[in-house]
Amino acid sequence: MAVKTKERPVVMDLPELLAVCQHHWLIETANGPASKGHCKLCGAIYTFTNSMPMENWRRASAALGRELALLNRIGGY
């Protein structure tokens, strides 16, 4: 006859738990350059950036404009 054994829960302290948690972030509504979020599993807190700096947007926009102009010249668009 098989004997049932009780499984003991694994007990970890907070630093260990934070190191192994696959976070499930709950992030507050965007209201400014950053939003706070917390993990609903382990309670970790993190500040998320809501957008990239404007300089990056300008650079990306300029690069896209150059690519579209080139495609128009070679008839690829």
C-alpha atoms as a PDB file:
ATOM      1  CA  MET A   1       0.000   0.000   0.000  1.00  0.00           C
ATOM      2  CA  ALA A   2       1.327   3.451  -0.947  1.00  0.00           C
ATOM      3  CA  VAL A   3       1.909   5.947   1.811  1.00  0.00           C
ATOM      4  CA  LYS A   4       0.880   9.553   1.203  1.00  0.00           C
ATOM      5  CA  THR A   5       3.390  12.174   2.208  1.00  0.00           C
ATOM      6  CA  LYS A   6       2.614  15.776   2.915  1.00  0.00           C
ATOM      7  CA  GLU A   7       4.321  18.300   0.692  1.00  0.00           C
ATOM      8  CA  ARG A   8       5.805  21.231   2.517  1.00  0.00           C
ATOM      9  CA  PRO A   9       5.554  24.636   0.899  1.00  0.00           C
ATOM     10  CA  VAL A  10       8.852  26.098  -0.223  1.00  0.00           C
ATOM     11  CA  VAL A  11       9.724  29.013   2.021  1.00  0.00           C
ATOM     12  CA  MET A  12      11.828  31.781   0.485  1.00  0.00           C
ATOM     13  CA  ASP A  13      12.866  35.106   1.848  1.00  0.00           C
ATOM     14  CA  LEU A  14      12.017  38.250  -0.136  1.00  0.00           C
ATOM     15  CA  PRO A  15      15.308  38.642  -2.098  1.00  0.00           C
ATOM     16  CA  GLU A  16      15.063  35.021  -3.276  1.00  0.00           C
ATOM     17  CA  LEU A  17      11.418  35.456  -4.228  1.00  0.00           C
ATOM     18  CA  LEU A  18      12.141  38.625  -6.201  1.00  0.00           C
ATOM     19  CA  ALA A  19      14.957  36.846  -8.042  1.00  0.00           C
ATOM     20  CA  VAL A  20      12.729  33.995  -9.278  1.00  0.00           C
ATOM     21  CA  CYS A  21       9.372  35.746  -9.769  1.00  0.00           C
ATOM     22  CA  GLN A  22       8.067  36.010 -13.330  1.00  0.00           C
ATOM     23  CA  HIS A  23       6.375  39.328 -12.679  1.00  0.00           C
ATOM     24  CA  HIS A  24       2.780  40.143 -13.576  1.00  0.00           C
ATOM     25  CA  TRP A  25       2.876  43.951 -13.603  1.00  0.00           C
ATOM     26  CA  LEU A  26      -0.105  46.108 -12.725  1.00  0.00           C
ATOM     27  CA  ILE A  27       0.813  49.566 -14.032  1.00  0.00           C
ATOM     28  CA  GLU A  28      -1.050  52.741 -13.086  1.00  0.00           C
ATOM     29  CA  THR A  29      -2.642  54.868 -15.812  1.00  0.00           C
ATOM     30  CA  ALA A  30      -0.186  57.081 -17.671  1.00  0.00           C
ATOM     31  CA  ASN A  31      -0.149  60.573 -16.200  1.00  0.00           C
ATOM     32  CA  GLY A  32       3.186  62.182 -17.003  1.00  0.00           C
ATOM     33  CA  PRO A  33       6.556  60.816 -18.059  1.00  0.00           C
ATOM     34  CA  ALA A  34       6.473  57.723 -15.812  1.00  0.00           C
ATOM     35  CA  SER A  35       4.003  55.332 -14.187  1.00  0.00           C
ATOM     36  CA  LYS A  36       4.518  53.165 -11.129  1.00  0.00           C
ATOM     37  CA  GLY A  37       3.786  49.494 -11.335  1.00  0.00           C
ATOM     38  CA  HIS A  38       3.738  46.644  -8.878  1.00  0.00           C
ATOM     39  CA  CYS A  39       3.895  42.907  -9.358  1.00  0.00           C
ATOM     40  CA  LYS A  40       0.685  41.259  -8.241  1.00  0.00           C
ATOM     41  CA  LEU A  41       2.614  38.076  -7.451  1.00  0.00           C
ATOM     42  CA  CYS A  42       5.531  39.245  -5.314  1.00  0.00           C
ATOM     43  CA  GLY A  43       4.802  42.922  -4.659  1.00  0.00           C
ATOM     44  CA  ALA A  44       7.922  44.266  -6.390  1.00  0.00           C
ATOM     45  CA  ILE A  45       7.664  47.935  -7.383  1.00  0.00           C
ATOM     46  CA  TYR A  46       9.063  49.429 -10.601  1.00  0.00           C
ATOM     47  CA  THR A  47       8.744  52.778 -12.373  1.00  0.00           C
ATOM     48  CA  PHE A  48       7.953  52.448 -16.093  1.00  0.00           C
ATOM     49  CA  THR A  49       8.745  55.168 -18.651  1.00  0.00           C
ATOM     50  CA  ASN A  50       5.631  56.138 -20.616  1.00  0.00           C
ATOM     51  CA  SER A  51       7.425  57.253 -23.784  1.00  0.00           C
ATOM     52  CA  MET A  52      10.830  57.771 -25.246  1.00  0.00           C
ATOM     53  CA  PRO A  53      12.469  61.200 -25.148  1.00  0.00           C
ATOM     54  CA  MET A  54      11.438  63.533 -27.969  1.00  0.00           C
ATOM     55  CA  GLU A  55      14.962  63.468 -29.405  1.00  0.00           C
ATOM     56  CA  ASN A  56      14.572  59.752 -30.190  1.00  0.00           C
ATOM     57  CA  TRP A  57      11.220  60.403 -31.896  1.00  0.00           C
ATOM     58  CA  ARG A  58      12.771  63.126 -34.074  1.00  0.00           C
ATOM     59  CA  ARG A  59      15.657  60.871 -35.053  1.00  0.00           C
ATOM     60  CA  ALA A  60      13.325  57.992 -35.918  1.00  0.00           C
ATOM     61  CA  SER A  61      11.030  60.309 -37.868  1.00  0.00           C
ATOM     62  CA  ALA A  62      13.933  61.747 -39.878  1.00  0.00           C
ATOM     63  CA  ALA A  63      15.239  58.255 -40.686  1.00  0.00           C
ATOM     64  CA  LEU A  64      11.788  57.144 -41.835  1.00  0.00           C
ATOM     65  CA  GLY A  65      11.482  60.243 -44.027  1.00  0.00           C
ATOM     66  CA  ARG A  66      14.828  59.479 -45.707  1.00  0.00           C
ATOM     67  CA  GLU A  67      13.799  55.855 -46.323  1.00  0.00           C
ATOM     68  CA  LEU A  68      10.461  56.877 -47.868  1.00  0.00           C
ATOM     69  CA  ALA A  69      12.169  59.459 -50.091  1.00  0.00           C
ATOM     70  CA  LEU A  70      14.627  56.829 -51.317  1.00  0.00           C
ATOM     71  CA  LEU A  71      11.837  54.343 -52.017  1.00  0.00           C
ATOM     72  CA  ASN A  72       9.918  56.993 -53.983  1.00  0.00           C
ATOM     73  CA  ARG A  73      13.017  57.737 -56.107  1.00  0.00           C
ATOM     74  CA  ILE A  74      13.623  54.112 -56.969  1.00  0.00           C
ATOM     75  CA  GLY A  75       9.927  53.360 -57.435  1.00  0.00           C
ATOM     76  CA  GLY A  76       9.730  50.794 -54.687  1.00  0.00           C
ATOM     77  CA  TYR A  77       6.847  52.234 -52.742  1.00  0.00           C
END
